[in-house]
Amino acid sequence: MSDQDPLNLAKRDSEAFLILGAFLAFLALVVLVATVFQAPGHARVVNCGAGLTLLLIGGGMAVWGRILRRRFSK
């Protein structure tokens, strides 16, 4: 199997999506935990929104990586 095989590239993409999704989800959790300890105000709302956005993006990437992994592992 060559390095440019489409199946090999798809497997690498699924791994990349999983790793990046997990990193973004971890980063989102750090932001959300830090938001709890912040003083009430505008910054808390902005940080909560940013944390939730990062969590959605990271979760979506991780789910897409799992879908790709299952699709090409069969």
PDB file of N, CA and C in Angstrom:
ATOM      1  N   MET A   1       0.843  -1.166   0.000  1.00  0.00           N
ATOM      2  CA  MET A   1       0.000   0.000   0.000  1.00  0.00           C
ATOM      3  C   MET A   1       0.898   1.242   0.000  1.00  0.00           C
ATOM      4  N   SER A   2       0.683   2.107  -0.950  1.00  0.00           N
ATOM      5  CA  SER A   2       1.510   3.306  -1.042  1.00  0.00           C
ATOM      6  C   SER A   2       1.066   4.339  -0.011  1.00  0.00           C
ATOM      7  N   ASP A   3       1.902   5.335   0.161  1.00  0.00           N
ATOM      8  CA  ASP A   3       1.607   6.384   1.141  1.00  0.00           C
ATOM      9  C   ASP A   3       0.459   7.269   0.668  1.00  0.00           C
ATOM     10  N   GLN A   4       0.203   7.312  -0.638  1.00  0.00           N
ATOM     11  CA  GLN A   4      -0.835   8.170  -1.197  1.00  0.00           C
ATOM     12  C   GLN A   4      -2.150   7.424  -1.437  1.00  0.00           C
ATOM     13  N   ASP A   5      -2.277   6.224  -0.893  1.00  0.00           N
ATOM     14  CA  ASP A   5      -3.498   5.447  -1.030  1.00  0.00           C
ATOM     15  C   ASP A   5      -4.652   6.194  -0.347  1.00  0.00           C
ATOM     16  N   PRO A   6      -5.804   6.357  -1.032  1.00  0.00           N
ATOM     17  CA  PRO A   6      -6.918   7.106  -0.424  1.00  0.00           C
ATOM     18  C   PRO A   6      -7.398   6.517   0.911  1.00  0.00           C
ATOM     19  N   LEU A   7      -7.356   5.210   1.038  1.00  0.00           N
ATOM     20  CA  LEU A   7      -7.766   4.581   2.294  1.00  0.00           C
ATOM     21  C   LEU A   7      -6.798   4.945   3.423  1.00  0.00           C
ATOM     22  N   ASN A   8      -5.512   4.955   3.112  1.00  0.00           N
ATOM     23  CA  ASN A   8      -4.502   5.317   4.102  1.00  0.00           C
ATOM     24  C   ASN A   8      -4.661   6.786   4.509  1.00  0.00           C
ATOM     25  N   LEU A   9      -4.939   7.647   3.556  1.00  0.00           N
ATOM     26  CA  LEU A   9      -5.139   9.066   3.867  1.00  0.00           C
ATOM     27  C   LEU A   9      -6.389   9.274   4.718  1.00  0.00           C
ATOM     28  N   ALA A  10      -7.440   8.530   4.446  1.00  0.00           N
ATOM     29  CA  ALA A  10      -8.660   8.655   5.235  1.00  0.00           C
ATOM     30  C   ALA A  10      -8.438   8.178   6.666  1.00  0.00           C
ATOM     31  N   LYS A  11      -7.661   7.120   6.843  1.00  0.00           N
ATOM     32  CA  LYS A  11      -7.355   6.646   8.196  1.00  0.00           C
ATOM     33  C   LYS A  11      -6.548   7.687   8.965  1.00  0.00           C
ATOM     34  N   ARG A  12      -5.587   8.313   8.288  1.00  0.00           N
ATOM     35  CA  ARG A  12      -4.811   9.372   8.952  1.00  0.00           C
ATOM     36  C   ARG A  12      -5.695  10.558   9.291  1.00  0.00           C
ATOM     37  N   ASP A  13      -6.630  10.891   8.402  1.00  0.00           N
ATOM     38  CA  ASP A  13      -7.553  11.987   8.684  1.00  0.00           C
ATOM     39  C   ASP A  13      -8.415  11.685   9.903  1.00  0.00           C
ATOM     40  N   SER A  14      -8.884  10.445  10.019  1.00  0.00           N
ATOM     41  CA  SER A  14      -9.724  10.099  11.168  1.00  0.00           C
ATOM     42  C   SER A  14      -8.930  10.224  12.469  1.00  0.00           C
ATOM     43  N   GLU A  15      -7.671   9.818  12.448  1.00  0.00           N
ATOM     44  CA  GLU A  15      -6.831   9.958  13.641  1.00  0.00           C
ATOM     45  C   GLU A  15      -6.594  11.431  13.972  1.00  0.00           C
ATOM     46  N   ALA A  16      -6.379  12.233  12.937  1.00  0.00           N
ATOM     47  CA  ALA A  16      -6.154  13.664  13.160  1.00  0.00           C
ATOM     48  C   ALA A  16      -7.401  14.323  13.750  1.00  0.00           C
ATOM     49  N   PHE A  17      -8.575  13.970  13.225  1.00  0.00           N
ATOM     50  CA  PHE A  17      -9.820  14.524  13.768  1.00  0.00           C
ATOM     51  C   PHE A  17     -10.009  14.123  15.221  1.00  0.00           C
ATOM     52  N   LEU A  18      -9.713  12.880  15.553  1.00  0.00           N
ATOM     53  CA  LEU A  18      -9.846  12.432  16.938  1.00  0.00           C
ATOM     54  C   LEU A  18      -8.910  13.193  17.868  1.00  0.00           C
ATOM     55  N   ILE A  19      -7.670  13.336  17.461  1.00  0.00           N
ATOM     56  CA  ILE A  19      -6.685  14.012  18.313  1.00  0.00           C
ATOM     57  C   ILE A  19      -7.029  15.491  18.479  1.00  0.00           C
ATOM     58  N   LEU A  20      -7.336  16.159  17.379  1.00  0.00           N
ATOM     59  CA  LEU A  20      -7.678  17.587  17.467  1.00  0.00           C
ATOM     60  C   LEU A  20      -8.979  17.801  18.233  1.00  0.00           C
ATOM     61  N   GLY A  21      -9.952  16.934  18.020  1.00  0.00           N
ATOM     62  CA  GLY A  21     -11.216  17.050  18.743  1.00  0.00           C
ATOM     63  C   GLY A  21     -11.024  16.879  20.237  1.00  0.00           C
ATOM     64  N   ALA A  22     -10.202  15.896  20.622  1.00  0.00           N
ATOM     65  CA  ALA A  22      -9.940  15.684  22.048  1.00  0.00           C
ATOM     66  C   ALA A  22      -9.200  16.878  22.645  1.00  0.00           C
ATOM     67  N   PHE A  23      -8.247  17.433  21.903  1.00  0.00           N
ATOM     68  CA  PHE A  23      -7.518  18.605  22.398  1.00  0.00           C
ATOM     69  C   PHE A  23      -8.454  19.795  22.584  1.00  0.00           C
ATOM     70  N   LEU A  24      -9.310  20.057  21.597  1.00  0.00           N
ATOM     71  CA  LEU A  24     -10.230  21.191  21.714  1.00  0.00           C
ATOM     72  C   LEU A  24     -11.241  20.982  22.839  1.00  0.00           C
ATOM     73  N   ALA A  25     -11.693  19.756  23.026  1.00  0.00           N
ATOM     74  CA  ALA A  25     -12.625  19.474  24.130  1.00  0.00           C
ATOM     75  C   ALA A  25     -11.933  19.689  25.479  1.00  0.00           C
ATOM     76  N   PHE A  26     -10.671  19.248  25.601  1.00  0.00           N
ATOM     77  CA  PHE A  26      -9.925  19.477  26.838  1.00  0.00           C
ATOM     78  C   PHE A  26      -9.732  20.973  27.087  1.00  0.00           C
ATOM     79  N   LEU A  27      -9.384  21.705  26.036  1.00  0.00           N
ATOM     80  CA  LEU A  27      -9.208  23.152  26.153  1.00  0.00           C
ATOM     81  C   LEU A  27     -10.519  23.818  26.561  1.00  0.00           C
ATOM     82  N   ALA A  28     -11.624  23.342  26.019  1.00  0.00           N
ATOM     83  CA  ALA A  28     -12.928  23.898  26.376  1.00  0.00           C
ATOM     84  C   ALA A  28     -13.247  23.651  27.842  1.00  0.00           C
ATOM     85  N   LEU A  29     -12.913  22.469  28.322  1.00  0.00           N
ATOM     86  CA  LEU A  29     -13.167  22.187  29.737  1.00  0.00           C
ATOM     87  C   LEU A  29     -12.339  23.083  30.646  1.00  0.00           C
ATOM     88  N   VAL A  30     -11.112  23.362  30.261  1.00  0.00           N
ATOM     89  CA  VAL A  30     -10.274  24.279  31.043  1.00  0.00           C
ATOM     90  C   VAL A  30     -10.898  25.671  31.071  1.00  0.00           C
ATOM     91  N   VAL A  31     -11.368  26.136  29.922  1.00  0.00           N
ATOM     92  CA  VAL A  31     -11.992  27.459  29.845  1.00  0.00           C
ATOM     93  C   VAL A  31     -13.267  27.493  30.681  1.00  0.00           C
ATOM     94  N   LEU A  32     -14.074  26.444  30.607  1.00  0.00           N
ATOM     95  CA  LEU A  32     -15.325  26.426  31.369  1.00  0.00           C
ATOM     96  C   LEU A  32     -15.084  26.358  32.871  1.00  0.00           C
ATOM     97  N   VAL A  33     -14.077  25.603  33.303  1.00  0.00           N
ATOM     98  CA  VAL A  33     -13.748  25.551  34.730  1.00  0.00           C
ATOM     99  C   VAL A  33     -13.226  26.908  35.190  1.00  0.00           C
ATOM    100  N   ALA A  34     -12.408  27.555  34.382  1.00  0.00           N
ATOM    101  CA  ALA A  34     -11.898  28.875  34.745  1.00  0.00           C
ATOM    102  C   ALA A  34     -13.025  29.905  34.795  1.00  0.00           C
ATOM    103  N   THR A  35     -14.044  29.723  33.989  1.00  0.00           N
ATOM    104  CA  THR A  35     -15.181  30.642  33.987  1.00  0.00           C
ATOM    105  C   THR A  35     -15.920  30.606  35.314  1.00  0.00           C
ATOM    106  N   VAL A  36     -15.973  29.434  35.943  1.00  0.00           N
ATOM    107  CA  VAL A  36     -16.667  29.305  37.222  1.00  0.00           C
ATOM    108  C   VAL A  36     -16.002  30.164  38.292  1.00  0.00           C
ATOM    109  N   PHE A  37     -14.674  30.268  38.252  1.00  0.00           N
ATOM    110  CA  PHE A  37     -13.941  31.005  39.281  1.00  0.00           C
ATOM    111  C   PHE A  37     -13.757  32.482  38.954  1.00  0.00           C
ATOM    112  N   GLN A  38     -14.357  32.938  37.871  1.00  0.00           N
ATOM    113  CA  GLN A  38     -14.208  34.328  37.454  1.00  0.00           C
ATOM    114  C   GLN A  38     -15.300  35.185  38.093  1.00  0.00           C
ATOM    115  N   ALA A  39     -15.002  36.446  38.261  1.00  0.00           N
ATOM    116  CA  ALA A  39     -15.988  37.366  38.826  1.00  0.00           C
ATOM    117  C   ALA A  39     -17.151  37.528  37.844  1.00  0.00           C
ATOM    118  N   PRO A  40     -18.362  37.658  38.378  1.00  0.00           N
ATOM    119  CA  PRO A  40     -19.520  37.829  37.488  1.00  0.00           C
ATOM    120  C   PRO A  40     -19.375  39.068  36.622  1.00  0.00           C
ATOM    121  N   GLY A  41     -19.897  38.982  35.423  1.00  0.00           N
ATOM    122  CA  GLY A  41     -19.840  40.115  34.524  1.00  0.00           C
ATOM    123  C   GLY A  41     -19.806  39.678  33.069  1.00  0.00           C
ATOM    124  N   HIS A  42     -19.479  40.647  32.232  1.00  0.00           N
ATOM    125  CA  HIS A  42     -19.481  40.427  30.795  1.00  0.00           C
ATOM    126  C   HIS A  42     -18.444  39.381  30.380  1.00  0.00           C
ATOM    127  N   ALA A  43     -17.283  39.397  30.997  1.00  0.00           N
ATOM    128  CA  ALA A  43     -16.216  38.457  30.629  1.00  0.00           C
ATOM    129  C   ALA A  43     -16.626  37.017  30.923  1.00  0.00           C
ATOM    130  N   ARG A  44     -17.377  36.801  31.980  1.00  0.00           N
ATOM    131  CA  ARG A  44     -17.823  35.442  32.313  1.00  0.00           C
ATOM    132  C   ARG A  44     -18.754  34.905  31.225  1.00  0.00           C
ATOM    133  N   VAL A  45     -19.633  35.742  30.724  1.00  0.00           N
ATOM    134  CA  VAL A  45     -20.555  35.328  29.665  1.00  0.00           C
ATOM    135  C   VAL A  45     -19.792  35.023  28.380  1.00  0.00           C
ATOM    136  N   VAL A  46     -18.833  35.862  28.044  1.00  0.00           N
ATOM    137  CA  VAL A  46     -18.037  35.657  26.841  1.00  0.00           C
ATOM    138  C   VAL A  46     -17.212  34.375  26.954  1.00  0.00           C
ATOM    139  N   ASN A  47     -16.578  34.163  28.092  1.00  0.00           N
ATOM    140  CA  ASN A  47     -15.782  32.950  28.279  1.00  0.00           C
ATOM    141  C   ASN A  47     -16.647  31.694  28.267  1.00  0.00           C
ATOM    142  N   CYS A  48     -17.828  31.764  28.828  1.00  0.00           N
ATOM    143  CA  CYS A  48     -18.735  30.623  28.805  1.00  0.00           C
ATOM    144  C   CYS A  48     -19.151  30.316  27.361  1.00  0.00           C
ATOM    145  N   GLY A  49     -19.445  31.334  26.594  1.00  0.00           N
ATOM    146  CA  GLY A  49     -19.788  31.136  25.187  1.00  0.00           C
ATOM    147  C   GLY A  49     -18.628  30.560  24.391  1.00  0.00           C
ATOM    148  N   ALA A  50     -17.427  31.058  24.658  1.00  0.00           N
ATOM    149  CA  ALA A  50     -16.246  30.543  23.964  1.00  0.00           C
ATOM    150  C   ALA A  50     -15.974  29.090  24.350  1.00  0.00           C
ATOM    151  N   GLY A  51     -16.128  28.768  25.622  1.00  0.00           N
ATOM    152  CA  GLY A  51     -15.919  27.394  26.076  1.00  0.00           C
ATOM    153  C   GLY A  51     -16.919  26.433  25.459  1.00  0.00           C
ATOM    154  N   LEU A  52     -18.178  26.843  25.405  1.00  0.00           N
ATOM    155  CA  LEU A  52     -19.195  25.983  24.805  1.00  0.00           C
ATOM    156  C   LEU A  52     -18.970  25.813  23.307  1.00  0.00           C
ATOM    157  N   THR A  53     -18.542  26.880  22.647  1.00  0.00           N
ATOM    158  CA  THR A  53     -18.239  26.789  21.217  1.00  0.00           C
ATOM    159  C   THR A  53     -17.077  25.833  20.973  1.00  0.00           C
ATOM    160  N   LEU A  54     -16.025  25.967  21.756  1.00  0.00           N
ATOM    161  CA  LEU A  54     -14.895  25.046  21.622  1.00  0.00           C
ATOM    162  C   LEU A  54     -15.313  23.605  21.898  1.00  0.00           C
ATOM    163  N   LEU A  55     -16.179  23.423  22.883  1.00  0.00           N
ATOM    164  CA  LEU A  55     -16.639  22.078  23.211  1.00  0.00           C
ATOM    165  C   LEU A  55     -17.454  21.481  22.063  1.00  0.00           C
ATOM    166  N   LEU A  56     -18.302  22.273  21.445  1.00  0.00           N
ATOM    167  CA  LEU A  56     -19.084  21.790  20.312  1.00  0.00           C
ATOM    168  C   LEU A  56     -18.195  21.442  19.118  1.00  0.00           C
ATOM    169  N   ILE A  57     -17.226  22.301  18.828  1.00  0.00           N
ATOM    170  CA  ILE A  57     -16.329  22.042  17.709  1.00  0.00           C
ATOM    171  C   ILE A  57     -15.478  20.807  17.983  1.00  0.00           C
ATOM    172  N   GLY A  58     -14.908  20.724  19.176  1.00  0.00           N
ATOM    173  CA  GLY A  58     -14.083  19.573  19.530  1.00  0.00           C
ATOM    174  C   GLY A  58     -14.881  18.284  19.546  1.00  0.00           C
ATOM    175  N   GLY A  59     -16.076  18.329  20.095  1.00  0.00           N
ATOM    176  CA  GLY A  59     -16.926  17.145  20.111  1.00  0.00           C
ATOM    177  C   GLY A  59     -17.326  16.719  18.710  1.00  0.00           C
ATOM    178  N   GLY A  60     -17.628  17.687  17.868  1.00  0.00           N
ATOM    179  CA  GLY A  60     -17.974  17.372  16.479  1.00  0.00           C
ATOM    180  C   GLY A  60     -16.816  16.748  15.725  1.00  0.00           C
ATOM    181  N   MET A  61     -15.617  17.280  15.945  1.00  0.00           N
ATOM    182  CA  MET A  61     -14.445  16.712  15.280  1.00  0.00           C
ATOM    183  C   MET A  61     -14.163  15.297  15.770  1.00  0.00           C
ATOM    184  N   ALA A  62     -14.310  15.062  17.055  1.00  0.00           N
ATOM    185  CA  ALA A  62     -14.070  13.726  17.598  1.00  0.00           C
ATOM    186  C   ALA A  62     -15.110  12.732  17.081  1.00  0.00           C
ATOM    187  N   VAL A  63     -16.353  13.161  17.026  1.00  0.00           N
ATOM    188  CA  VAL A  63     -17.404  12.278  16.499  1.00  0.00           C
ATOM    189  C   VAL A  63     -17.159  11.981  15.029  1.00  0.00           C
ATOM    190  N   TRP A  64     -16.783  12.992  14.255  1.00  0.00           N
ATOM    191  CA  TRP A  64     -16.503  12.774  12.838  1.00  0.00           C
ATOM    192  C   TRP A  64     -15.305  11.844  12.658  1.00  0.00           C
ATOM    193  N   GLY A  65     -14.306  11.965  13.491  1.00  0.00           N
ATOM    194  CA  GLY A  65     -13.158  11.058  13.434  1.00  0.00           C
ATOM    195  C   GLY A  65     -13.562   9.624  13.724  1.00  0.00           C
ATOM    196  N   ARG A  66     -14.458   9.435  14.697  1.00  0.00           N
ATOM    197  CA  ARG A  66     -14.938   8.072  15.004  1.00  0.00           C
ATOM    198  C   ARG A  66     -15.763   7.507  13.864  1.00  0.00           C
ATOM    199  N   ILE A  67     -16.567   8.367  13.238  1.00  0.00           N
ATOM    200  CA  ILE A  67     -17.356   7.909  12.090  1.00  0.00           C
ATOM    201  C   ILE A  67     -16.442   7.474  10.962  1.00  0.00           C
ATOM    202  N   LEU A  68     -15.432   8.272  10.677  1.00  0.00           N
ATOM    203  CA  LEU A  68     -14.479   7.898   9.623  1.00  0.00           C
ATOM    204  C   LEU A  68     -13.733   6.619   9.972  1.00  0.00           C
ATOM    205  N   ARG A  69     -13.344   6.472  11.222  1.00  0.00           N
ATOM    206  CA  ARG A  69     -12.624   5.273  11.634  1.00  0.00           C
ATOM    207  C   ARG A  69     -13.484   4.032  11.445  1.00  0.00           C
ATOM    208  N   ARG A  70     -14.750   4.113  11.846  1.00  0.00           N
ATOM    209  CA  ARG A  70     -15.647   2.966  11.676  1.00  0.00           C
ATOM    210  C   ARG A  70     -15.914   2.676  10.205  1.00  0.00           C
ATOM    211  N   ARG A  71     -16.018   3.726   9.412  1.00  0.00           N
ATOM    212  CA  ARG A  71     -16.320   3.549   7.985  1.00  0.00           C
ATOM    213  C   ARG A  71     -15.186   2.813   7.273  1.00  0.00           C
ATOM    214  N   PHE A  72     -13.956   3.100   7.630  1.00  0.00           N
ATOM    215  CA  PHE A  72     -12.816   2.514   6.919  1.00  0.00           C
ATOM    216  C   PHE A  72     -12.196   1.316   7.631  1.00  0.00           C
ATOM    217  N   SER A  73     -12.702   0.979   8.798  1.00  0.00           N
ATOM    218  CA  SER A  73     -12.152  -0.182   9.484  1.00  0.00           C
ATOM    219  C   SER A  73     -12.843  -1.474   9.060  1.00  0.00           C
ATOM    220  N   LYS A  74     -13.959  -1.354   8.373  1.00  0.00           N
ATOM    221  CA  LYS A  74     -14.701  -2.538   7.940  1.00  0.00           C
ATOM    222  C   LYS A  74     -14.141  -3.121   6.678  1.00  0.00           C
TER     223      LYS A  74
END
